[in-house]
């Protein structure tokens, strides 16, 4: 009888706990679920006038995908994409991160957000085995654009396999409005086979240690920002690029051929002096930059790492196609035949 009563009480407590947990998982007043978008898309600007509790749910995965035409790789990801989804919060927000490691994974994973003030940027409390979930809260104290990445030993391996992304902490008053925003993140891949060797390519630890990547890519795949993935704008529009560098090793010399950055937030710092009329900006491994340009003439403008062999030979190449009326007062060809031959205007 006593055992039955104890069992009954335990069952009630377990049920009550499950109900409470379910309630806690649902947003309440003052709580919002984060909008998480895959690259190159960016969640909309925050219009809230006051801070909120932002709920972020992420899953780490290990999945086979395309690295380049005819080349496959086993990526380790946040949310199934490289880079992981773009996270946008507001200065003063309390952010709850819930991280789940895919049941079928073969490795432990974690998350370290450079925006976090706390042990390991959160990695100290999210070292989770396959099938486990870890969670923590942090206060968004400092506006800026920050990298997040996996910080489970051996850390360079986890980052080199694609575990990185960006989190924007908007200032309380928001950022100046622009017409278009895009998310671009550079990363390196170290494969056993040389660049463009076909088939499934395994990770090469020796090349990673020696900092000799076979691929240097935007958004995790050769050609991710070309053809169907091309960024677009119209003449007269202002474009803001949130650019990160997952590394794990190389510094990026980010440049848009045929454009000049009207404004650069150096090292993605918000609140300090802007740099103006910048041709190329340096982005350290584990760092970011915010760049803005006005699309004044139509055409195809290439995004590159201006350590130029990386663009021409290893894949750090994308494009921004601007449509609209010609502006001969700004740019016009004086060699019509050559322009036609190369697709110019």
Protein backbone atom coordinates (compact mmCIF):
# COMPACT_ATOMS: atom_id res chain seq x y z
CA UNK A 1 0.00 0.00 0.00
CA UNK A 2 2.76 2.39 1.00
CA UNK A 3 4.77 1.53 -2.12
CA UNK A 4 1.74 2.12 -4.28
CA UNK A 5 1.15 5.50 -2.65
CA UNK A 6 4.80 6.52 -3.14
CA UNK A 7 4.67 5.39 -6.75
CA UNK A 8 1.50 7.37 -7.26
CA UNK A 9 3.01 10.52 -5.76
CA UNK A 10 6.17 10.13 -7.87
CA UNK A 11 4.05 9.70 -10.97
CA UNK A 12 2.12 12.88 -10.18
CA UNK A 13 5.36 14.81 -9.62
CA UNK A 14 6.83 13.52 -12.87
CA UNK A 15 3.68 14.50 -14.75
CA UNK A 16 3.65 17.93 -13.11
CA UNK A 17 7.29 18.38 -14.02
CA UNK A 18 6.61 17.40 -17.62
CA UNK A 19 3.70 19.85 -17.81
CA UNK A 20 5.85 22.60 -16.29
CA UNK A 21 8.66 21.85 -18.73
CA UNK A 22 6.21 22.01 -21.61
CA UNK A 23 4.95 25.36 -20.37
CA UNK A 24 8.49 26.66 -20.01
CA UNK A 25 9.21 25.68 -23.62
CA UNK A 26 6.35 27.85 -24.85
CA UNK A 27 6.93 31.59 -25.15
CA UNK A 28 5.25 33.67 -22.44
CA UNK A 29 4.80 37.41 -22.15
CA UNK A 30 8.17 39.02 -22.77
CA UNK A 31 9.52 35.92 -24.57
CA UNK A 32 10.13 35.66 -28.30
CA UNK A 33 11.38 32.78 -30.41
CA UNK A 34 14.45 33.70 -32.42
CA UNK A 35 14.13 33.89 -36.19
CA UNK A 36 16.96 31.72 -37.52
CA UNK A 37 17.74 31.99 -41.24
CA UNK A 38 20.27 30.08 -43.32
CA UNK A 39 22.91 32.02 -45.28
CA UNK A 40 22.91 34.30 -47.17
CA UNK A 41 19.61 35.47 -45.67
CA UNK A 42 19.39 37.72 -42.61
CA UNK A 43 16.45 37.95 -40.16
CA UNK A 44 14.56 41.24 -40.27
CA UNK A 45 15.66 44.19 -38.18
CA UNK A 46 14.35 44.21 -34.61
CA UNK A 47 11.57 46.72 -34.04
CA UNK A 48 11.04 46.09 -30.32
CA UNK A 49 11.57 49.17 -28.16
CA UNK A 50 12.40 47.11 -25.07
CA UNK A 51 14.51 44.04 -24.30
CA UNK A 52 12.98 40.57 -24.33
CA UNK A 53 13.88 37.00 -23.50
CA UNK A 54 14.89 35.41 -26.80
CA UNK A 55 14.59 31.64 -27.13
CA UNK A 56 17.11 30.02 -29.48
CA UNK A 57 17.00 26.33 -30.35
CA UNK A 58 19.90 24.84 -32.31
CA UNK A 59 20.83 21.31 -33.30
CA UNK A 60 24.32 20.14 -34.17
CA UNK A 61 24.54 17.67 -37.04
CA UNK A 62 27.09 15.59 -38.92
CA UNK A 63 25.98 15.20 -42.51
CA UNK A 64 27.33 14.52 -45.95
CA UNK A 65 27.01 17.32 -48.49
CA UNK A 66 28.51 19.06 -51.52
CA UNK A 67 31.79 20.92 -51.11
CA UNK A 68 32.34 21.60 -54.82
CA UNK A 69 31.13 20.15 -58.12
CA UNK A 70 31.73 16.40 -57.87
CA UNK A 71 33.28 16.75 -54.40
CA UNK A 72 31.54 15.68 -51.20
CA UNK A 73 32.45 16.18 -47.57
CA UNK A 74 31.07 15.24 -44.15
CA UNK A 75 30.18 18.59 -42.63
CA UNK A 76 29.67 19.23 -38.93
CA UNK A 77 27.05 21.95 -38.60
CA UNK A 78 24.79 24.10 -36.51
CA UNK A 79 21.31 23.68 -37.93
CA UNK A 80 22.33 21.76 -41.04
CA UNK A 81 24.07 24.60 -42.90
CA UNK A 82 27.59 26.03 -43.18
CA UNK A 83 27.74 28.59 -41.77
CA UNK A 84 25.03 28.02 -39.19
CA UNK A 85 21.92 30.22 -39.06
CA UNK A 86 22.21 33.96 -38.49
CA UNK A 87 21.03 34.97 -35.02
CA UNK A 88 19.76 38.52 -34.44
CA UNK A 89 19.08 39.91 -30.97
CA UNK A 90 18.96 43.31 -29.29
CA UNK A 91 21.24 44.93 -26.75
CA UNK A 92 19.76 44.20 -23.33
CA UNK A 93 18.01 40.98 -24.38
CA UNK A 94 18.32 37.86 -22.28
CA UNK A 95 19.10 35.03 -24.68
CA UNK A 96 18.36 31.40 -23.84
CA UNK A 97 20.38 28.97 -25.94
CA UNK A 98 19.19 25.37 -26.12
CA UNK A 99 21.65 23.15 -27.97
CA UNK A 100 20.86 19.57 -28.94
CA UNK A 101 23.42 17.15 -30.36
CA UNK A 102 21.94 14.92 -33.05
CA UNK A 103 21.38 11.36 -31.83
CA UNK A 104 23.24 9.90 -34.80
CA UNK A 105 26.34 12.08 -34.27
CA UNK A 106 29.71 10.44 -33.57
CA UNK A 107 31.19 13.36 -31.61
CA UNK A 108 30.48 15.64 -28.69
CA UNK A 109 29.75 19.26 -29.62
CA UNK A 110 29.24 22.64 -27.92
CA UNK A 111 28.75 26.33 -28.68
CA UNK A 112 30.95 29.33 -27.90
CA UNK A 113 29.38 32.68 -28.81
CA UNK A 114 31.84 35.56 -28.85
CA UNK A 115 28.94 37.83 -27.83
CA UNK A 116 28.61 36.05 -24.47
CA UNK A 117 30.08 37.31 -21.22
CA UNK A 118 30.51 34.02 -19.36
CA UNK A 119 32.76 30.94 -19.12
CA UNK A 120 33.79 29.70 -22.53
CA UNK A 121 31.19 31.91 -24.19
CA UNK A 122 28.75 29.15 -23.22
CA UNK A 123 30.98 26.25 -24.23
CA UNK A 124 31.76 25.44 -20.58
CA UNK A 125 28.14 24.39 -20.02
CA UNK A 126 27.25 22.89 -23.43
CA UNK A 127 29.73 20.04 -23.89
CA UNK A 128 27.07 17.56 -24.98
CA UNK A 129 27.30 13.98 -26.18
CA UNK A 130 25.18 12.56 -29.04
CA UNK A 131 21.52 12.67 -28.03
CA UNK A 132 22.07 15.18 -25.20
CA UNK A 133 20.75 18.71 -24.79
CA UNK A 134 22.39 21.58 -22.93
CA UNK A 135 21.10 25.08 -22.24
CA UNK A 136 22.16 28.40 -20.73
CA UNK A 137 21.13 32.05 -20.61
CA UNK A 138 23.20 35.15 -21.25
CA UNK A 139 22.65 38.88 -21.28
CA UNK A 140 23.46 40.68 -24.52
CA UNK A 141 25.57 43.47 -23.05
CA UNK A 142 27.65 44.62 -26.01
CA UNK A 143 26.29 45.54 -29.45
CA UNK A 144 28.26 44.20 -32.41
CA UNK A 145 28.53 41.35 -34.90
CA UNK A 146 30.07 38.25 -33.36
CA UNK A 147 31.22 34.80 -34.41
CA UNK A 148 29.93 31.66 -32.76
CA UNK A 149 31.58 28.26 -33.16
CA UNK A 150 31.98 24.85 -31.61
CA UNK A 151 34.58 24.72 -28.82
CA UNK A 152 34.86 21.00 -28.15
CA UNK A 153 38.37 19.51 -28.25
CA UNK A 154 40.02 19.29 -30.69
CA UNK A 155 38.59 22.75 -31.41
CA UNK A 156 40.30 23.36 -34.81
CA UNK A 157 38.76 20.16 -36.18
CA UNK A 158 35.22 21.16 -35.23
CA UNK A 159 35.62 24.63 -36.75
CA UNK A 160 37.35 23.34 -39.89
CA UNK A 161 34.46 20.95 -40.47
CA UNK A 162 32.00 23.87 -40.64
CA UNK A 163 30.82 24.63 -37.10
CA UNK A 164 30.57 28.43 -37.08
CA UNK A 165 28.11 31.24 -37.67
CA UNK A 166 27.27 34.86 -36.80
CA UNK A 167 25.20 36.55 -34.12
CA UNK A 168 24.27 40.23 -34.41
CA UNK A 169 23.56 42.17 -31.23
CA UNK A 170 21.78 45.30 -32.46
CA UNK A 171 22.24 48.47 -30.43
CA UNK A 172 19.22 49.54 -28.40
CA UNK A 173 18.36 52.18 -30.99
CA UNK A 174 18.86 49.79 -33.91
CA UNK A 175 21.12 50.12 -36.92
CA UNK A 176 20.47 52.63 -39.73
CA UNK A 177 18.04 51.14 -42.22
CA UNK A 178 19.36 49.87 -45.54
CA UNK A 179 17.64 48.36 -48.57
CA UNK A 180 19.22 44.88 -48.47
CA UNK A 181 21.20 42.80 -46.00
CA UNK A 182 23.15 39.61 -46.67
CA UNK A 183 25.13 37.08 -44.63
CA UNK A 184 28.51 35.95 -45.95
CA UNK A 185 31.03 33.86 -44.01
CA UNK A 186 34.42 32.60 -45.07
CA UNK A 187 35.86 29.28 -43.97
CA UNK A 188 38.63 26.83 -44.85
CA UNK A 189 38.44 23.12 -45.65
CA UNK A 190 41.35 20.74 -45.39
CA UNK A 191 40.82 17.66 -47.55
CA UNK A 192 43.05 14.67 -48.25
CA UNK A 193 42.61 15.13 -51.99
CA UNK A 194 43.84 18.18 -53.86
CA UNK A 195 41.35 20.90 -54.78
CA UNK A 196 38.57 19.50 -57.00
CA UNK A 197 39.62 15.85 -56.57
CA UNK A 198 36.23 14.12 -56.97
CA UNK A 199 34.43 11.90 -54.50
CA UNK A 200 33.95 11.96 -50.74
CA UNK A 201 36.97 13.73 -49.25
CA UNK A 202 38.09 13.07 -45.66
CA UNK A 203 39.52 15.73 -43.36
CA UNK A 204 43.32 16.03 -43.38
CA UNK A 205 44.63 16.84 -39.89
CA UNK A 206 48.19 17.47 -41.09
CA UNK A 207 47.10 20.10 -43.61
CA UNK A 208 44.95 21.77 -40.93
CA UNK A 209 47.84 21.89 -38.48
CA UNK A 210 50.11 23.34 -41.18
CA UNK A 211 47.39 25.81 -42.30
CA UNK A 212 47.30 24.56 -45.90
CA UNK A 213 43.64 24.45 -46.92
CA UNK A 214 42.57 22.98 -50.25
CA UNK A 215 39.45 25.17 -50.21
CA UNK A 216 38.75 28.69 -48.95
CA UNK A 217 35.02 29.25 -49.40
CA UNK A 218 32.14 31.62 -48.83
CA UNK A 219 29.12 30.00 -47.17
CA UNK A 220 30.49 26.47 -47.10
CA UNK A 221 30.45 25.49 -50.77
CA UNK A 222 32.33 26.45 -53.91
CA UNK A 223 29.89 28.57 -55.90
CA UNK A 224 27.46 29.11 -53.01
CA UNK A 225 27.23 32.81 -54.00
CA UNK A 226 27.28 32.27 -57.77
CA UNK A 227 24.56 31.32 -60.28
CA UNK A 228 21.35 30.60 -58.32
CA UNK A 229 23.03 31.81 -55.11
CA UNK A 230 24.05 35.20 -56.50
CA UNK A 231 23.25 38.19 -54.28
CA UNK A 232 21.07 40.81 -55.97
CA UNK A 233 20.32 44.51 -55.69
CA UNK A 234 18.97 47.38 -57.75
CA UNK A 235 20.70 50.61 -58.66
CA UNK A 236 20.26 53.24 -55.98
CA UNK A 237 19.95 50.67 -53.18
CA UNK A 238 22.25 50.44 -50.18
CA UNK A 239 23.51 46.95 -49.44
CA UNK A 240 24.83 45.85 -46.05
CA UNK A 241 26.97 42.74 -45.85
CA UNK A 242 27.51 40.96 -42.54
CA UNK A 243 30.81 39.22 -43.22
CA UNK A 244 32.38 36.68 -40.86
CA UNK A 245 35.50 34.56 -40.91
CA UNK A 246 35.14 31.16 -39.30
CA UNK A 247 38.77 30.33 -40.05
CA UNK A 248 40.05 28.35 -38.30
CA UNK A 249 43.37 29.84 -39.40
CA UNK A 250 43.50 32.40 -42.21
CA UNK A 251 42.88 36.15 -42.18
CA UNK A 252 40.47 37.31 -44.90
CA UNK A 253 41.13 40.31 -47.15
CA UNK A 254 37.50 40.95 -48.09
CA UNK A 255 36.91 42.98 -51.26
CA UNK A 256 34.12 43.57 -53.78
CA UNK A 257 35.59 44.08 -57.25
CA UNK A 258 34.23 47.25 -58.86
CA UNK A 259 32.79 48.67 -55.64
CA UNK A 260 34.04 50.73 -52.72
CA UNK A 261 32.72 50.27 -49.20
CA UNK A 262 31.03 53.54 -48.28
CA UNK A 263 31.06 52.53 -44.62
CA UNK A 264 32.89 49.82 -42.70
CA UNK A 265 32.32 48.90 -39.07
CA UNK A 266 35.90 47.73 -38.43
CA UNK A 267 36.09 44.32 -36.75
CA UNK A 268 32.27 44.57 -36.60
CA UNK A 269 32.42 46.97 -33.64
CA UNK A 270 29.25 49.02 -33.19
CA UNK A 271 29.47 52.34 -31.37
CA UNK A 272 32.91 53.48 -32.48
CA UNK A 273 34.13 55.45 -35.47
CA UNK A 274 33.21 54.16 -38.91
CA UNK A 275 35.73 53.89 -41.71
CA UNK A 276 34.69 55.39 -45.03
CA UNK A 277 35.68 54.81 -48.65
CA UNK A 278 37.43 51.49 -47.97
CA UNK A 279 38.65 49.23 -50.78
CA UNK A 280 39.52 46.05 -48.80
CA UNK A 281 38.95 45.22 -45.15
CA UNK A 282 40.76 42.67 -43.02
CA UNK A 283 38.71 40.12 -41.11
CA UNK A 284 40.65 37.98 -38.64
CA UNK A 285 39.91 34.33 -38.03
CA UNK A 286 37.11 34.29 -35.48
CA UNK A 287 36.17 37.86 -36.38
CA UNK A 288 33.73 39.79 -38.52
CA UNK A 289 33.07 43.08 -40.30
CA UNK A 290 29.99 44.99 -41.37
CA UNK A 291 30.34 46.71 -44.75
CA UNK A 292 27.93 48.90 -46.65
CA UNK A 293 27.95 49.97 -50.28
CA UNK A 294 25.59 51.84 -52.57
CA UNK A 295 24.79 50.07 -55.82
CA UNK A 296 25.17 52.96 -58.25
CA UNK A 297 25.70 51.22 -61.60
CA UNK A 298 24.35 47.94 -62.98
CA UNK A 299 26.53 44.91 -63.53
CA UNK A 300 28.14 41.90 -61.89
CA UNK A 301 30.40 42.61 -58.94
CA UNK A 302 32.60 39.84 -57.55
CA UNK A 303 33.09 39.19 -53.85
CA UNK A 304 36.59 37.86 -53.17
CA UNK A 305 39.24 37.22 -50.60
CA UNK A 306 41.90 39.46 -52.14
CA UNK A 307 44.61 37.03 -51.12
CA UNK A 308 43.63 36.39 -54.68
CA UNK A 309 44.76 32.82 -55.24
CA UNK A 310 42.12 31.83 -52.70
CA UNK A 311 39.47 33.36 -54.97
CA UNK A 312 40.78 32.10 -58.30
CA UNK A 313 42.06 28.67 -57.23
CA UNK A 314 40.38 27.70 -53.94
CA UNK A 315 36.83 29.05 -54.21
CA UNK A 316 36.61 32.30 -52.20
CA UNK A 317 34.42 33.87 -54.87
CA UNK A 318 30.86 35.16 -54.97
CA UNK A 319 28.86 37.74 -56.87
CA UNK A 320 26.47 40.62 -56.43
CA UNK A 321 24.37 41.35 -59.52
CA UNK A 322 22.94 44.86 -59.69
CA UNK A 323 20.07 45.54 -62.09
CA UNK A 324 18.80 48.90 -63.27
CA UNK A 325 19.43 51.70 -65.72
CA UNK A 326 22.95 52.45 -66.90
CA UNK A 327 24.74 55.43 -65.40
CA UNK A 328 27.15 56.64 -68.10
CA UNK A 329 27.93 59.65 -65.93
CA UNK A 330 29.58 57.24 -63.47
CA UNK A 331 30.82 54.42 -65.74
CA UNK A 332 30.73 53.72 -69.48
CA UNK A 333 32.76 51.67 -71.90
CA UNK A 334 34.72 53.36 -74.68
CA UNK A 335 35.51 49.98 -76.28
CA UNK A 336 32.13 48.67 -77.39
CA UNK A 337 33.37 45.49 -79.08
CA UNK A 338 35.45 44.43 -76.09
CA UNK A 339 32.54 45.21 -73.76
CA UNK A 340 30.17 43.01 -75.82
CA UNK A 341 32.73 40.19 -75.91
CA UNK A 342 32.91 40.14 -72.11
CA UNK A 343 29.29 40.76 -71.35
CA UNK A 344 29.71 44.42 -70.43
CA UNK A 345 27.46 47.37 -71.18
